[in-house]
N, C-alpha and C. Protein backbone atom coordinates (compact mmCIF):
# COMPACT_ATOMS: atom_id res chain seq x y z
N MET A 1 295.44 19.06 125.92
CA MET A 1 296.17 18.26 125.04
C MET A 1 297.25 17.19 125.23
N LYS A 2 298.00 17.25 126.27
CA LYS A 2 298.68 15.88 126.85
C LYS A 2 298.09 14.83 127.10
N ASN A 3 296.61 15.00 127.71
CA ASN A 3 295.99 13.83 128.27
C ASN A 3 295.47 13.44 126.80
N SER A 4 294.95 14.08 125.99
CA SER A 4 294.40 13.53 124.71
C SER A 4 295.34 12.75 123.82
N VAL A 5 296.95 13.14 123.59
CA VAL A 5 297.97 12.36 123.06
C VAL A 5 298.16 11.33 123.81
N ILE A 6 298.23 10.94 125.08
CA ILE A 6 298.16 10.06 125.93
C ILE A 6 297.18 8.80 125.72
N TYR A 7 296.19 9.51 125.80
CA TYR A 7 294.77 8.84 125.45
C TYR A 7 294.91 8.09 124.05
N LEU A 8 295.12 8.67 123.34
CA LEU A 8 295.18 8.51 121.52
C LEU A 8 296.28 7.34 121.58
N GLY A 9 297.40 7.63 122.02
CA GLY A 9 298.76 6.24 121.97
C GLY A 9 297.96 5.04 122.57
N LEU A 10 297.57 5.37 123.86
CA LEU A 10 297.03 3.98 124.60
C LEU A 10 295.78 3.31 123.87
N ALA A 11 294.99 3.93 123.27
CA ALA A 11 293.94 3.39 122.28
C ALA A 11 294.34 2.70 121.23
N LEU A 12 295.65 3.37 120.42
CA LEU A 12 295.95 2.58 119.22
C LEU A 12 296.82 1.32 119.68
N VAL A 13 297.58 1.48 120.99
CA VAL A 13 298.11 0.12 121.39
C VAL A 13 297.22 -0.76 121.82
N THR A 14 296.35 -0.63 122.27
CA THR A 14 294.89 -1.29 122.57
C THR A 14 294.31 -2.16 121.48
N PHE A 15 294.02 -1.18 120.24
CA PHE A 15 293.52 -1.70 119.06
C PHE A 15 294.67 -2.43 118.53
N VAL A 16 295.69 -2.11 118.35
CA VAL A 16 296.45 -3.27 117.70
C VAL A 16 296.84 -4.72 118.32
N ASN A 17 296.64 -4.75 119.77
CA ASN A 17 296.78 -5.73 120.62
C ASN A 17 295.47 -6.62 120.21
N VAL A 18 294.49 -5.82 120.47
CA VAL A 18 293.18 -6.64 120.11
C VAL A 18 293.16 -7.12 118.59
N ALA A 19 293.61 -6.46 117.68
CA ALA A 19 293.28 -6.58 116.22
C ALA A 19 294.40 -8.14 115.97
N THR A 20 295.63 -8.03 116.93
CA THR A 20 296.77 -9.06 116.73
C THR A 20 296.20 -10.34 117.42
N ALA A 21 295.62 -10.17 118.46
CA ALA A 21 295.02 -11.39 119.22
C ALA A 21 293.86 -11.98 118.27
N SER A 22 293.11 -11.35 117.26
CA SER A 22 292.09 -11.80 116.70
C SER A 22 292.46 -12.77 115.56
N ASN A 23 293.83 -12.47 114.99
CA ASN A 23 294.20 -12.83 114.01
C ASN A 23 295.53 -13.78 114.37
N ASN A 24 295.48 -15.04 114.22
CA ASN A 24 296.60 -16.10 114.71
C ASN A 24 297.69 -15.96 113.41
N THR A 25 297.76 -15.58 112.53
CA THR A 25 298.37 -15.85 111.09
C THR A 25 299.66 -14.75 111.34
N SER A 26 299.88 -13.69 111.95
CA SER A 26 300.83 -12.90 112.14
C SER A 26 300.87 -12.15 113.61
N VAL A 27 301.76 -12.36 114.21
CA VAL A 27 301.89 -11.45 115.58
C VAL A 27 302.81 -10.42 115.54
N VAL A 28 302.40 -9.01 116.15
CA VAL A 28 303.02 -8.00 116.16
C VAL A 28 303.18 -7.77 117.48
N LYS A 29 304.36 -7.22 118.06
CA LYS A 29 304.70 -7.09 119.43
C LYS A 29 305.21 -5.78 119.60
N ASN A 30 304.50 -4.61 120.49
CA ASN A 30 305.09 -3.60 120.64
C ASN A 30 305.21 -2.82 119.49
N GLN A 31 304.76 -2.80 118.44
CA GLN A 31 304.42 -1.87 117.51
C GLN A 31 303.44 -1.15 117.01
N VAL A 32 303.33 0.27 117.12
CA VAL A 32 302.00 0.99 116.95
C VAL A 32 302.36 2.02 115.78
N ALA A 33 301.47 2.08 114.82
CA ALA A 33 301.66 2.93 113.78
C ALA A 33 300.90 4.08 114.15
N VAL A 34 302.01 5.16 114.36
CA VAL A 34 301.43 6.41 114.72
C VAL A 34 301.73 7.51 113.76
N SER A 35 300.55 7.30 112.38
CA SER A 35 300.77 8.32 111.42
C SER A 35 299.66 9.38 111.41
N ALA A 36 298.91 9.45 112.37
CA ALA A 36 298.04 10.56 112.31
C ALA A 36 298.76 11.98 112.71
N VAL A 37 298.09 13.13 111.67
CA VAL A 37 298.94 14.27 111.89
C VAL A 37 298.40 15.26 112.74
N TYR A 38 298.40 15.88 113.54
CA TYR A 38 297.69 16.90 114.11
C TYR A 38 298.36 18.39 113.96
N ASP A 39 297.59 19.22 114.06
CA ASP A 39 298.10 20.67 113.94
C ASP A 39 299.72 20.86 114.13
N ASP A 40 300.05 19.97 115.41
CA ASP A 40 301.56 20.25 115.58
C ASP A 40 302.15 19.40 115.32
N GLY A 41 301.93 18.22 114.40
CA GLY A 41 302.54 17.10 114.09
C GLY A 41 302.08 15.62 114.69
N THR A 42 303.24 14.73 114.40
CA THR A 42 302.68 13.21 115.20
C THR A 42 302.66 13.44 116.52
N PRO A 43 302.19 12.59 117.17
CA PRO A 43 301.97 12.54 118.80
C PRO A 43 303.54 12.64 119.50
N LEU A 44 304.34 11.67 118.73
CA LEU A 44 305.81 11.79 119.55
C LEU A 44 306.25 13.40 119.43
N VAL A 45 305.93 13.73 117.98
CA VAL A 45 306.62 15.39 117.85
C VAL A 45 305.70 16.39 118.88
N VAL A 46 304.36 16.13 119.32
CA VAL A 46 303.88 17.07 120.04
C VAL A 46 304.58 16.84 121.84
N ALA A 47 304.52 15.62 122.07
CA ALA A 47 305.22 15.05 123.27
C ALA A 47 306.73 15.77 123.38
N VAL A 48 307.35 15.84 122.30
CA VAL A 48 308.61 16.45 122.16
C VAL A 48 308.59 17.85 122.48
N SER A 49 307.94 18.75 121.41
CA SER A 49 307.81 20.17 121.86
C SER A 49 307.34 20.65 123.02
N LYS A 50 306.49 19.61 123.81
CA LYS A 50 306.00 20.03 125.03
C LYS A 50 307.11 19.71 125.99
N GLY A 51 308.14 19.12 125.60
CA GLY A 51 309.06 18.61 126.70
C GLY A 51 308.60 17.71 127.69
N ASP A 52 307.83 16.81 127.09
CA ASP A 52 306.98 15.74 128.11
C ASP A 52 307.85 14.38 128.03
N ILE A 53 308.84 14.30 128.75
CA ILE A 53 310.04 13.15 128.69
C ILE A 53 309.44 11.54 128.55
N ASP A 54 308.45 11.76 129.87
CA ASP A 54 307.59 10.57 130.20
C ASP A 54 306.72 9.76 129.13
N THR A 55 306.29 10.90 128.44
CA THR A 55 304.99 10.44 127.18
C THR A 55 306.34 10.24 126.10
N VAL A 56 307.21 10.52 125.69
CA VAL A 56 308.23 10.40 124.87
C VAL A 56 308.63 9.02 124.94
N LYS A 57 309.11 8.86 126.33
CA LYS A 57 309.54 7.27 126.55
C LYS A 57 308.49 6.18 126.05
N LYS A 58 307.30 6.80 126.63
CA LYS A 58 306.18 5.78 126.49
C LYS A 58 306.00 5.36 124.93
N PHE A 59 305.98 6.42 123.89
CA PHE A 59 305.89 6.43 122.76
C PHE A 59 306.86 5.55 121.82
N ILE A 60 308.20 5.67 122.39
CA ILE A 60 309.27 5.04 121.91
C ILE A 60 309.12 3.56 122.41
N GLU A 61 308.58 3.23 123.59
CA GLU A 61 308.50 2.10 123.73
C GLU A 61 307.47 1.27 123.47
N TYR A 62 306.49 2.05 122.83
CA TYR A 62 305.44 1.14 122.21
C TYR A 62 305.75 1.21 120.71
N GLY A 63 306.92 1.67 119.97
CA GLY A 63 307.54 1.45 118.87
C GLY A 63 307.27 2.88 117.76
N ALA A 64 306.98 3.89 118.25
CA ALA A 64 307.06 4.88 117.47
C ALA A 64 308.18 5.34 116.96
N ASN A 65 308.44 5.73 115.31
CA ASN A 65 309.54 5.65 114.91
C ASN A 65 310.23 7.20 115.19
N VAL A 66 311.20 7.22 115.63
CA VAL A 66 311.83 8.15 116.12
C VAL A 66 312.60 8.85 115.27
N ASN A 67 312.51 8.52 113.93
CA ASN A 67 312.93 9.42 112.89
C ASN A 67 311.62 9.77 111.70
N GLU A 68 310.79 9.60 112.16
CA GLU A 68 309.45 10.10 111.19
C GLU A 68 309.67 11.43 111.01
N LYS A 69 309.58 11.97 110.10
CA LYS A 69 309.20 13.63 110.12
C LYS A 69 308.08 14.12 109.99
N SER A 70 307.69 15.09 110.62
CA SER A 70 306.34 15.68 110.45
C SER A 70 306.39 17.20 110.34
N ASP A 71 305.62 17.45 109.32
CA ASP A 71 306.03 18.88 108.97
C ASP A 71 307.42 19.40 108.55
N ASP A 72 308.17 18.15 108.19
CA ASP A 72 309.45 18.35 107.41
C ASP A 72 310.41 18.43 108.89
N MET A 73 310.23 17.88 109.68
CA MET A 73 311.14 17.92 111.13
C MET A 73 310.97 16.65 111.97
N SER A 74 312.28 15.93 111.94
CA SER A 74 312.18 14.63 113.05
C SER A 74 311.95 15.41 114.37
N PRO A 75 311.74 14.31 115.38
CA PRO A 75 311.50 14.51 116.52
C PRO A 75 313.18 15.05 117.09
N LEU A 76 314.03 14.64 116.84
CA LEU A 76 315.11 14.91 117.00
C LEU A 76 315.28 16.64 116.74
N MET A 77 314.93 16.79 115.46
CA MET A 77 315.25 18.41 114.85
C MET A 77 314.29 19.02 116.02
N THR A 78 312.97 18.59 116.21
CA THR A 78 312.15 19.32 116.97
C THR A 78 312.77 19.57 118.38
N ALA A 79 313.24 18.60 119.24
CA ALA A 79 313.83 18.47 120.63
C ALA A 79 315.11 19.82 120.34
N ALA A 80 315.92 19.59 119.53
CA ALA A 80 316.97 20.28 119.13
C ALA A 80 316.62 21.91 119.03
N ARG A 81 315.54 21.86 118.28
CA ARG A 81 315.10 23.47 118.26
C ARG A 81 314.57 23.92 119.15
N TYR A 82 314.16 23.44 120.34
CA TYR A 82 313.66 23.74 121.53
C TYR A 82 314.36 23.56 122.93
N ASN A 83 315.61 22.96 122.39
CA ASN A 83 316.85 22.95 123.42
C ASN A 83 316.44 21.95 124.61
N LYS A 84 315.58 20.90 123.97
CA LYS A 84 315.12 19.90 125.11
C LYS A 84 316.22 18.56 125.26
N VAL A 85 317.16 19.05 126.39
CA VAL A 85 318.47 18.15 126.01
C VAL A 85 318.22 16.57 126.61
N GLU A 86 317.29 16.53 127.39
CA GLU A 86 317.18 15.44 128.08
C GLU A 86 316.56 14.35 127.14
N ILE A 87 315.40 14.93 126.28
CA ILE A 87 314.71 14.23 125.09
C ILE A 87 315.58 13.83 124.05
N ILE A 88 316.68 14.72 124.00
CA ILE A 88 317.70 14.57 122.89
C ILE A 88 318.69 13.49 123.18
N LYS A 89 318.74 13.16 124.50
CA LYS A 89 319.54 12.01 124.80
C LYS A 89 318.68 10.76 124.75
N VAL A 90 317.25 10.84 125.14
CA VAL A 90 316.21 9.72 125.00
C VAL A 90 316.30 9.33 123.46
N LEU A 91 316.24 10.30 122.71
CA LEU A 91 315.96 9.93 121.29
C LEU A 91 317.19 9.22 120.39
N LEU A 92 318.32 9.65 120.80
CA LEU A 92 319.73 9.41 120.27
C LEU A 92 319.71 8.09 121.19
N ALA A 93 319.43 7.62 121.98
CA ALA A 93 319.65 6.49 122.52
C ALA A 93 318.47 5.12 121.88
N ALA A 94 317.37 6.03 121.58
CA ALA A 94 316.40 5.01 120.75
C ALA A 94 316.67 4.89 119.35
N GLY A 95 317.99 5.68 119.03
CA GLY A 95 318.17 5.35 117.40
C GLY A 95 318.05 6.54 116.48
N ALA A 96 317.78 7.68 117.18
CA ALA A 96 317.13 8.98 116.10
C ALA A 96 318.77 9.43 115.54
N ARG A 97 318.65 9.57 114.05
CA ARG A 97 319.86 9.90 113.40
C ARG A 97 320.09 11.38 113.49
N PRO A 98 321.16 12.05 114.24
CA PRO A 98 321.50 12.97 113.84
C PRO A 98 321.88 13.82 112.35
N SER A 99 322.33 12.86 111.57
CA SER A 99 322.71 13.24 110.41
C SER A 99 321.59 13.56 109.65
N ASP A 100 320.42 12.89 109.76
CA ASP A 100 319.24 13.39 108.76
C ASP A 100 318.99 14.72 108.63
N LYS A 101 318.46 15.17 107.06
CA LYS A 101 318.40 16.24 106.70
C LYS A 101 316.94 16.50 106.37
N ASN A 102 316.31 17.65 106.40
CA ASN A 102 315.11 17.93 105.98
C ASN A 102 314.95 18.56 104.60
N GLU A 103 313.98 18.87 103.83
CA GLU A 103 314.03 19.50 102.52
C GLU A 103 314.93 20.43 102.12
N LYS A 104 315.30 21.67 103.28
CA LYS A 104 316.13 22.44 103.27
C LYS A 104 317.66 22.23 103.45
N GLY A 105 317.95 20.74 103.88
CA GLY A 105 319.30 20.44 104.27
C GLY A 105 319.61 20.78 105.67
N TYR A 106 318.58 21.01 106.45
CA TYR A 106 319.15 21.34 107.87
C TYR A 106 318.91 19.95 108.58
N THR A 107 320.11 19.76 109.39
CA THR A 107 320.28 18.72 109.97
C THR A 107 319.55 19.26 111.83
N ALA A 108 319.30 18.40 112.82
CA ALA A 108 319.04 18.65 114.09
C ALA A 108 320.01 19.69 114.58
N LEU A 109 321.46 19.42 114.24
CA LEU A 109 322.31 20.49 114.70
C LEU A 109 322.13 21.85 114.12
N LYS A 110 321.58 21.89 113.02
CA LYS A 110 321.60 23.09 112.08
C LYS A 110 320.01 23.84 113.10
N PHE A 111 319.07 23.16 113.30
CA PHE A 111 318.11 23.60 114.08
C PHE A 111 318.52 24.15 115.47
N ALA A 112 319.20 23.57 116.09
CA ALA A 112 319.68 23.91 117.40
C ALA A 112 320.55 25.40 117.16
N GLN A 113 321.26 25.25 116.26
CA GLN A 113 322.41 26.38 116.06
C GLN A 113 321.31 27.70 115.45
N LEU A 114 320.43 27.73 114.93
CA LEU A 114 319.49 28.80 114.54
C LEU A 114 318.71 29.19 115.75
N SER A 115 318.37 28.13 116.87
CA SER A 115 317.87 28.66 117.93
C SER A 115 318.74 28.81 119.19
N ASN A 116 319.97 29.10 119.01
CA ASN A 116 320.93 29.42 119.89
C ASN A 116 320.91 28.35 121.03
N ALA A 117 320.69 27.16 120.87
CA ALA A 117 320.37 26.27 121.99
C ALA A 117 321.54 25.54 122.44
N THR A 118 322.40 26.26 123.12
CA THR A 118 323.65 25.77 123.42
C THR A 118 324.00 24.68 123.79
N GLU A 119 323.19 23.78 124.60
CA GLU A 119 323.35 22.81 125.40
C GLU A 119 323.16 21.80 124.41
N ALA A 120 322.07 21.79 123.44
CA ALA A 120 321.74 21.15 122.44
C ALA A 120 322.99 21.03 121.27
N ILE A 121 323.40 21.95 121.07
CA ILE A 121 324.58 22.24 120.26
C ILE A 121 325.50 21.13 120.58
N ALA A 122 326.09 21.44 121.93
CA ALA A 122 327.14 20.63 122.57
C ALA A 122 326.85 19.19 122.39
N LEU A 123 325.59 18.93 122.79
CA LEU A 123 325.26 17.46 122.89
C LEU A 123 325.32 16.76 121.36
N LEU A 124 324.63 17.58 120.66
CA LEU A 124 324.55 16.99 118.95
C LEU A 124 325.77 17.00 118.67
N LYS A 125 326.90 17.92 118.57
CA LYS A 125 328.37 17.81 118.18
C LYS A 125 328.79 16.48 118.38
N ASP A 126 328.65 15.96 119.67
CA ASP A 126 329.25 15.02 120.20
C ASP A 126 328.79 13.57 119.71
N ALA A 127 327.52 14.07 119.20
CA ALA A 127 326.64 12.52 118.78
C ALA A 127 327.04 12.36 117.11
N LYS A 128 327.90 13.03 116.56
CA LYS A 128 328.13 12.78 115.22
C LYS A 128 328.95 11.85 114.90
């Protein structure tokens, strides 16, 4: 599955680059619209839930929205839920908003608390 996500991301980047190169009226650089939803969520959320920090960094580098919700959870909420501390740091550095809430009113910190993710709780409390 990880390879499939990586190949999908790279294929999307290639498609966007080819489409941009053939259209001289506008130039889009390093933006990828990753909106396809899989059983587990967007490719970024899948990479976060699997703890694949290199793929997370690649998706961010290619313009994935770090605040896009999938199944009512942002990538930061997913990382907090699974105590992925290094990924939380990467997402925060890329502009993830720790104060965002889902439909139930839960923040990433709340998901960390519900999962007893002590390291994530400490990091998210400092990020406020």
